[in-house]
Amino acid sequence: KHDIIFGMMDEKQARAVAAKARKEARRAIRRKIVAESAETAADLGMSATAVDVGASKSNANRPLPAPPQDLPPDSCSICLFYQYKEPAWKTKEHKAALNKVTELATFYKVTGRGRCAPEGLNCTLTASAN
């Protein structure tokens, strides 16, 4: 269907149709995630509003959001990320990256698991939400 439609449109119209289709697909995925998280919360004996699906959206290329107001003092935040490096770090660069990651984690009291390899970083980190 889309091939026929695209053949009758100019490039600008085709991009607009494709953008709309991507937006609709993202909304459908979001609705599915909301339904699944509500079901999971119910299975765990929690209310559907206990899981903030909006907080789970990607923050790629955007500043991180501030933590919610009025959190209990013992609240924590989990951050999962990876960043691959091409070309891979040379031995000296890899050692400097490892030292910098360790320095930052110590300074900010971040714990968790991380892999700092010549190919890049892959981490699951935890820290105070504040």
N, C-alpha and C. Protein backbone atom coordinates (compact mmCIF):
# COMPACT_ATOMS: atom_id res chain seq x y z
N LYS A 1 0.82 -1.19 0.00
CA LYS A 1 0.00 0.00 0.00
C LYS A 1 0.87 1.25 0.00
N HIS A 2 1.90 1.26 0.87
CA HIS A 2 2.74 2.45 0.97
C HIS A 2 3.53 2.70 -0.32
N ASP A 3 3.94 1.62 -1.01
CA ASP A 3 4.69 1.79 -2.25
C ASP A 3 3.84 2.54 -3.29
N ILE A 4 2.57 2.20 -3.35
CA ILE A 4 1.68 2.85 -4.31
C ILE A 4 1.48 4.31 -3.91
N ILE A 5 1.27 4.55 -2.63
CA ILE A 5 1.06 5.92 -2.15
C ILE A 5 2.30 6.76 -2.41
N PHE A 6 3.48 6.23 -2.07
CA PHE A 6 4.71 6.99 -2.24
C PHE A 6 4.95 7.31 -3.71
N GLY A 7 4.54 6.43 -4.62
CA GLY A 7 4.74 6.67 -6.05
C GLY A 7 3.93 7.85 -6.56
N MET A 8 2.83 8.19 -5.88
CA MET A 8 1.96 9.29 -6.32
C MET A 8 2.28 10.61 -5.62
N MET A 9 3.21 10.63 -4.70
CA MET A 9 3.51 11.84 -3.92
C MET A 9 4.87 12.38 -4.27
N ASP A 10 5.03 13.67 -3.98
CA ASP A 10 6.37 14.21 -4.10
C ASP A 10 7.16 13.81 -2.85
N GLU A 11 8.43 14.11 -2.84
CA GLU A 11 9.31 13.67 -1.75
C GLU A 11 8.90 14.24 -0.40
N LYS A 12 8.48 15.49 -0.37
CA LYS A 12 8.07 16.14 0.89
C LYS A 12 6.85 15.45 1.47
N GLN A 13 5.86 15.15 0.63
CA GLN A 13 4.66 14.47 1.10
C GLN A 13 4.99 13.06 1.60
N ALA A 14 5.88 12.38 0.89
CA ALA A 14 6.27 11.03 1.29
C ALA A 14 6.95 11.04 2.65
N ARG A 15 7.81 12.04 2.88
CA ARG A 15 8.46 12.14 4.20
C ARG A 15 7.44 12.40 5.29
N ALA A 16 6.46 13.25 5.00
CA ALA A 16 5.42 13.55 5.99
C ALA A 16 4.59 12.31 6.32
N VAL A 17 4.24 11.53 5.31
CA VAL A 17 3.48 10.29 5.52
C VAL A 17 4.31 9.31 6.34
N ALA A 18 5.58 9.19 6.01
CA ALA A 18 6.47 8.27 6.75
C ALA A 18 6.62 8.72 8.20
N ALA A 19 6.76 10.03 8.42
CA ALA A 19 6.89 10.56 9.79
C ALA A 19 5.63 10.27 10.59
N LYS A 20 4.47 10.45 9.97
CA LYS A 20 3.20 10.18 10.65
C LYS A 20 3.09 8.70 11.00
N ALA A 21 3.50 7.83 10.09
CA ALA A 21 3.45 6.39 10.35
C ALA A 21 4.37 6.01 11.51
N ARG A 22 5.56 6.62 11.56
CA ARG A 22 6.48 6.35 12.68
C ARG A 22 5.88 6.82 14.00
N LYS A 23 5.25 8.00 13.98
CA LYS A 23 4.62 8.53 15.19
C LYS A 23 3.50 7.61 15.66
N GLU A 24 2.68 7.14 14.75
CA GLU A 24 1.59 6.22 15.11
C GLU A 24 2.14 4.91 15.66
N ALA A 25 3.23 4.43 15.09
CA ALA A 25 3.85 3.20 15.58
C ALA A 25 4.39 3.39 17.00
N ARG A 26 5.02 4.56 17.25
CA ARG A 26 5.53 4.84 18.61
C ARG A 26 4.39 4.90 19.61
N ARG A 27 3.27 5.51 19.23
CA ARG A 27 2.12 5.58 20.12
C ARG A 27 1.57 4.19 20.43
N ALA A 28 1.50 3.34 19.41
CA ALA A 28 1.00 1.98 19.61
C ALA A 28 1.92 1.21 20.57
N ILE A 29 3.23 1.39 20.38
CA ILE A 29 4.20 0.74 21.27
C ILE A 29 4.02 1.26 22.69
N ARG A 30 3.85 2.57 22.85
CA ARG A 30 3.67 3.17 24.16
C ARG A 30 2.41 2.62 24.85
N ARG A 31 1.30 2.52 24.08
CA ARG A 31 0.06 1.97 24.65
C ARG A 31 0.27 0.53 25.12
N LYS A 32 1.00 -0.24 24.33
CA LYS A 32 1.28 -1.63 24.70
C LYS A 32 2.11 -1.69 25.98
N ILE A 33 3.13 -0.82 26.09
CA ILE A 33 3.98 -0.79 27.28
C ILE A 33 3.16 -0.40 28.51
N VAL A 34 2.28 0.59 28.37
CA VAL A 34 1.44 1.02 29.49
C VAL A 34 0.57 -0.14 29.95
N ALA A 35 -0.05 -0.85 29.02
CA ALA A 35 -0.91 -1.98 29.37
C ALA A 35 -0.11 -3.09 30.05
N GLU A 36 1.08 -3.39 29.51
CA GLU A 36 1.92 -4.43 30.11
C GLU A 36 2.39 -4.04 31.50
N SER A 37 2.75 -2.77 31.70
CA SER A 37 3.23 -2.36 33.02
C SER A 37 2.09 -2.37 34.03
N ALA A 38 0.88 -2.02 33.61
CA ALA A 38 -0.27 -2.09 34.50
C ALA A 38 -0.55 -3.53 34.90
N GLU A 39 -0.43 -4.44 33.94
CA GLU A 39 -0.63 -5.87 34.23
C GLU A 39 0.44 -6.38 35.18
N THR A 40 1.69 -6.00 34.94
CA THR A 40 2.78 -6.42 35.83
C THR A 40 2.58 -5.87 37.24
N ALA A 41 2.19 -4.60 37.34
CA ALA A 41 1.93 -4.00 38.65
C ALA A 41 0.82 -4.76 39.37
N ALA A 42 -0.24 -5.09 38.65
CA ALA A 42 -1.35 -5.85 39.25
C ALA A 42 -0.88 -7.21 39.72
N ASP A 43 -0.05 -7.88 38.92
CA ASP A 43 0.49 -9.19 39.31
C ASP A 43 1.33 -9.10 40.58
N LEU A 44 1.95 -7.94 40.79
CA LEU A 44 2.79 -7.73 41.98
C LEU A 44 1.99 -7.17 43.15
N GLY A 45 0.67 -7.00 42.96
CA GLY A 45 -0.17 -6.47 44.01
C GLY A 45 -0.06 -4.96 44.17
N MET A 46 0.39 -4.28 43.14
CA MET A 46 0.55 -2.82 43.18
C MET A 46 -0.55 -2.18 42.33
N SER A 47 -0.81 -0.90 42.58
CA SER A 47 -1.77 -0.20 41.74
C SER A 47 -1.14 0.08 40.38
N ALA A 48 -1.98 0.26 39.38
CA ALA A 48 -1.47 0.53 38.02
C ALA A 48 -0.69 1.84 37.97
N THR A 49 -0.99 2.77 38.86
CA THR A 49 -0.30 4.06 38.85
C THR A 49 1.04 4.01 39.59
N ALA A 50 1.37 2.86 40.18
CA ALA A 50 2.64 2.73 40.90
C ALA A 50 3.83 2.72 39.96
N VAL A 51 3.59 2.38 38.70
CA VAL A 51 4.65 2.33 37.71
C VAL A 51 4.52 3.55 36.81
N ASP A 52 5.55 4.38 36.79
CA ASP A 52 5.54 5.60 35.97
C ASP A 52 6.19 5.30 34.62
N VAL A 53 5.37 4.91 33.66
CA VAL A 53 5.88 4.55 32.34
C VAL A 53 6.51 5.75 31.66
N GLY A 54 6.00 6.94 31.92
CA GLY A 54 6.56 8.15 31.32
C GLY A 54 8.01 8.36 31.70
N ALA A 55 8.40 7.86 32.88
CA ALA A 55 9.78 8.02 33.33
C ALA A 55 10.71 7.04 32.63
N SER A 56 10.16 6.10 31.89
CA SER A 56 11.00 5.09 31.24
C SER A 56 11.32 5.41 29.79
N LYS A 57 10.94 6.60 29.34
CA LYS A 57 11.22 6.94 27.94
C LYS A 57 12.71 7.28 27.76
N SER A 58 13.16 7.14 26.55
CA SER A 58 14.56 7.41 26.24
C SER A 58 14.89 8.88 26.42
N ASN A 59 16.06 9.14 26.95
CA ASN A 59 16.54 10.52 27.09
C ASN A 59 17.74 10.76 26.17
N ALA A 60 17.84 9.95 25.14
CA ALA A 60 18.96 10.09 24.22
C ALA A 60 18.99 11.50 23.63
N ASN A 61 20.15 12.10 23.64
CA ASN A 61 20.38 13.43 23.08
C ASN A 61 19.55 14.52 23.77
N ARG A 62 19.14 14.28 25.00
CA ARG A 62 18.40 15.27 25.77
C ARG A 62 18.99 15.33 27.18
N PRO A 63 18.83 16.47 27.86
CA PRO A 63 19.30 16.53 29.25
C PRO A 63 18.47 15.58 30.12
N LEU A 64 19.09 15.03 31.15
CA LEU A 64 18.36 14.13 32.04
C LEU A 64 17.32 14.92 32.82
N PRO A 65 16.15 14.33 33.04
CA PRO A 65 15.13 15.03 33.82
C PRO A 65 15.52 15.09 35.29
N ALA A 66 15.00 16.09 35.99
CA ALA A 66 15.25 16.20 37.43
C ALA A 66 14.49 15.08 38.14
N PRO A 67 14.99 14.65 39.30
CA PRO A 67 14.23 13.63 40.06
C PRO A 67 12.89 14.21 40.51
N PRO A 68 11.88 13.37 40.68
CA PRO A 68 10.59 13.86 41.16
C PRO A 68 10.72 14.53 42.53
N GLN A 69 9.83 15.44 42.81
CA GLN A 69 9.84 16.15 44.09
C GLN A 69 9.39 15.21 45.22
N ASP A 70 9.79 15.52 46.43
CA ASP A 70 9.32 14.84 47.65
C ASP A 70 9.62 13.34 47.67
N LEU A 71 10.79 12.95 47.19
CA LEU A 71 11.18 11.54 47.26
C LEU A 71 11.64 11.21 48.68
N PRO A 72 11.40 9.98 49.13
CA PRO A 72 11.94 9.58 50.42
C PRO A 72 13.47 9.65 50.37
N PRO A 73 14.13 9.90 51.50
CA PRO A 73 15.58 10.07 51.51
C PRO A 73 16.36 8.86 50.99
N ASP A 74 15.77 7.66 51.12
CA ASP A 74 16.49 6.46 50.68
C ASP A 74 16.19 6.07 49.23
N SER A 75 15.55 6.96 48.46
CA SER A 75 15.24 6.67 47.06
C SER A 75 16.53 6.54 46.24
N CYS A 76 16.46 5.66 45.26
CA CYS A 76 17.64 5.51 44.40
C CYS A 76 17.21 5.58 42.94
N SER A 77 18.18 5.75 42.09
CA SER A 77 17.96 5.84 40.66
C SER A 77 18.85 4.82 39.97
N ILE A 78 18.32 4.20 38.92
CA ILE A 78 19.09 3.22 38.17
C ILE A 78 19.28 3.75 36.75
N CYS A 79 20.49 3.64 36.26
CA CYS A 79 20.81 4.11 34.92
C CYS A 79 21.50 2.98 34.16
N LEU A 80 20.93 2.59 33.05
CA LEU A 80 21.53 1.58 32.19
C LEU A 80 21.96 2.27 30.90
N PHE A 81 23.18 2.01 30.47
CA PHE A 81 23.62 2.62 29.22
C PHE A 81 24.78 1.83 28.62
N TYR A 82 24.99 2.09 27.36
CA TYR A 82 26.18 1.57 26.69
C TYR A 82 26.65 2.61 25.70
N GLN A 83 27.91 2.58 25.43
CA GLN A 83 28.49 3.47 24.41
C GLN A 83 29.66 2.72 23.79
N TYR A 84 29.52 2.38 22.55
CA TYR A 84 30.60 1.69 21.86
C TYR A 84 31.52 2.70 21.20
N LYS A 85 32.76 2.38 21.12
CA LYS A 85 33.80 3.27 20.62
C LYS A 85 34.41 2.66 19.36
N GLU A 86 34.32 3.39 18.26
CA GLU A 86 34.97 2.96 17.02
C GLU A 86 35.82 4.09 16.49
N PRO A 87 37.06 3.87 16.23
CA PRO A 87 37.79 2.63 16.49
C PRO A 87 37.97 2.43 18.00
N ALA A 88 38.26 1.22 18.39
CA ALA A 88 38.43 0.89 19.81
C ALA A 88 39.57 1.72 20.40
N TRP A 89 39.47 1.97 21.72
CA TRP A 89 40.54 2.69 22.40
C TRP A 89 41.84 1.92 22.32
N LYS A 90 42.92 2.64 22.17
CA LYS A 90 44.25 2.02 22.29
C LYS A 90 44.47 1.77 23.77
N THR A 91 45.47 1.01 24.12
CA THR A 91 45.71 0.62 25.52
C THR A 91 45.78 1.83 26.44
N LYS A 92 46.51 2.86 26.06
CA LYS A 92 46.65 4.06 26.90
C LYS A 92 45.30 4.77 27.06
N GLU A 93 44.52 4.89 25.98
CA GLU A 93 43.21 5.54 26.04
C GLU A 93 42.24 4.73 26.90
N HIS A 94 42.30 3.40 26.75
CA HIS A 94 41.43 2.52 27.53
C HIS A 94 41.71 2.67 29.02
N LYS A 95 42.98 2.70 29.39
CA LYS A 95 43.36 2.86 30.79
C LYS A 95 42.89 4.22 31.32
N ALA A 96 43.02 5.27 30.53
CA ALA A 96 42.57 6.61 30.94
C ALA A 96 41.05 6.63 31.12
N ALA A 97 40.31 5.99 30.22
CA ALA A 97 38.85 5.92 30.32
C ALA A 97 38.44 5.16 31.58
N LEU A 98 39.07 4.04 31.84
CA LEU A 98 38.77 3.25 33.03
C LEU A 98 39.03 4.07 34.29
N ASN A 99 40.15 4.78 34.34
CA ASN A 99 40.47 5.62 35.50
C ASN A 99 39.44 6.74 35.66
N LYS A 100 39.00 7.35 34.56
CA LYS A 100 38.02 8.43 34.63
C LYS A 100 36.66 7.93 35.12
N VAL A 101 36.22 6.78 34.61
CA VAL A 101 34.95 6.20 35.03
C VAL A 101 35.00 5.87 36.53
N THR A 102 36.09 5.29 36.98
CA THR A 102 36.25 4.95 38.40
C THR A 102 36.27 6.22 39.25
N GLU A 103 36.96 7.24 38.79
CA GLU A 103 37.03 8.52 39.51
C GLU A 103 35.64 9.15 39.65
N LEU A 104 34.89 9.19 38.56
CA LEU A 104 33.55 9.78 38.60
C LEU A 104 32.60 8.98 39.50
N ALA A 105 32.67 7.66 39.41
CA ALA A 105 31.81 6.82 40.24
C ALA A 105 32.12 7.02 41.73
N THR A 106 33.38 7.12 42.05
CA THR A 106 33.77 7.34 43.45
C THR A 106 33.32 8.71 43.92
N PHE A 107 33.54 9.73 43.13
CA PHE A 107 33.18 11.10 43.50
C PHE A 107 31.68 11.26 43.73
N TYR A 108 30.87 10.68 42.83
CA TYR A 108 29.42 10.82 42.91
C TYR A 108 28.73 9.69 43.68
N LYS A 109 29.52 8.79 44.28
CA LYS A 109 28.99 7.68 45.08
C LYS A 109 28.03 6.81 44.26
N VAL A 110 28.46 6.48 43.06
CA VAL A 110 27.68 5.63 42.17
C VAL A 110 28.19 4.20 42.31
N THR A 111 27.26 3.26 42.41
CA THR A 111 27.63 1.85 42.48
C THR A 111 26.96 1.10 41.34
N GLY A 112 27.25 -0.16 41.21
CA GLY A 112 26.63 -0.98 40.17
C GLY A 112 27.66 -1.81 39.46
N ARG A 113 27.30 -2.20 38.26
CA ARG A 113 28.19 -3.02 37.44
C ARG A 113 28.51 -2.27 36.16
N GLY A 114 29.73 -2.39 35.75
CA GLY A 114 30.12 -1.74 34.51
C GLY A 114 31.26 -2.49 33.85
N ARG A 115 31.27 -2.40 32.57
CA ARG A 115 32.38 -2.97 31.81
C ARG A 115 32.98 -1.85 31.00
N CYS A 116 34.25 -1.62 31.22
CA CYS A 116 34.99 -0.64 30.45
C CYS A 116 36.01 -1.43 29.64
N ALA A 117 35.68 -1.65 28.40
CA ALA A 117 36.52 -2.45 27.50
C ALA A 117 37.09 -1.54 26.42
N PRO A 118 38.08 -2.00 25.69
CA PRO A 118 38.61 -1.18 24.59
C PRO A 118 37.53 -0.79 23.58
N GLU A 119 36.45 -1.60 23.50
CA GLU A 119 35.36 -1.32 22.56
C GLU A 119 34.35 -0.31 23.10
N GLY A 120 34.42 0.03 24.40
CA GLY A 120 33.51 1.02 24.96
C GLY A 120 33.00 0.64 26.34
N LEU A 121 31.88 1.26 26.74
CA LEU A 121 31.30 1.08 28.07
C LEU A 121 29.96 0.38 27.98
N ASN A 122 29.64 -0.42 29.02
CA ASN A 122 28.33 -1.03 29.16
C ASN A 122 28.08 -1.10 30.66
N CYS A 123 27.12 -0.31 31.18
CA CYS A 123 26.98 -0.16 32.63
C CYS A 123 25.52 -0.22 33.08
N THR A 124 25.34 -0.72 34.29
CA THR A 124 24.10 -0.62 35.04
C THR A 124 24.48 -0.02 36.36
N LEU A 125 24.11 1.24 36.59
CA LEU A 125 24.58 1.98 37.75
C LEU A 125 23.43 2.41 38.65
N THR A 126 23.72 2.54 39.93
CA THR A 126 22.74 2.96 40.93
C THR A 126 23.34 4.07 41.76
N ALA A 127 22.51 5.06 42.10
CA ALA A 127 22.95 6.17 42.96
C ALA A 127 21.71 6.75 43.63
N SER A 128 21.93 7.63 44.56
CA SER A 128 20.83 8.34 45.19
C SER A 128 20.07 9.10 44.10
N ALA A 129 18.75 9.11 44.20
CA ALA A 129 17.94 9.83 43.22
C ALA A 129 18.17 11.33 43.30
N ASN A 130 18.64 11.78 44.44
CA ASN A 130 18.89 13.21 44.60
C ASN A 130 20.34 13.53 44.36
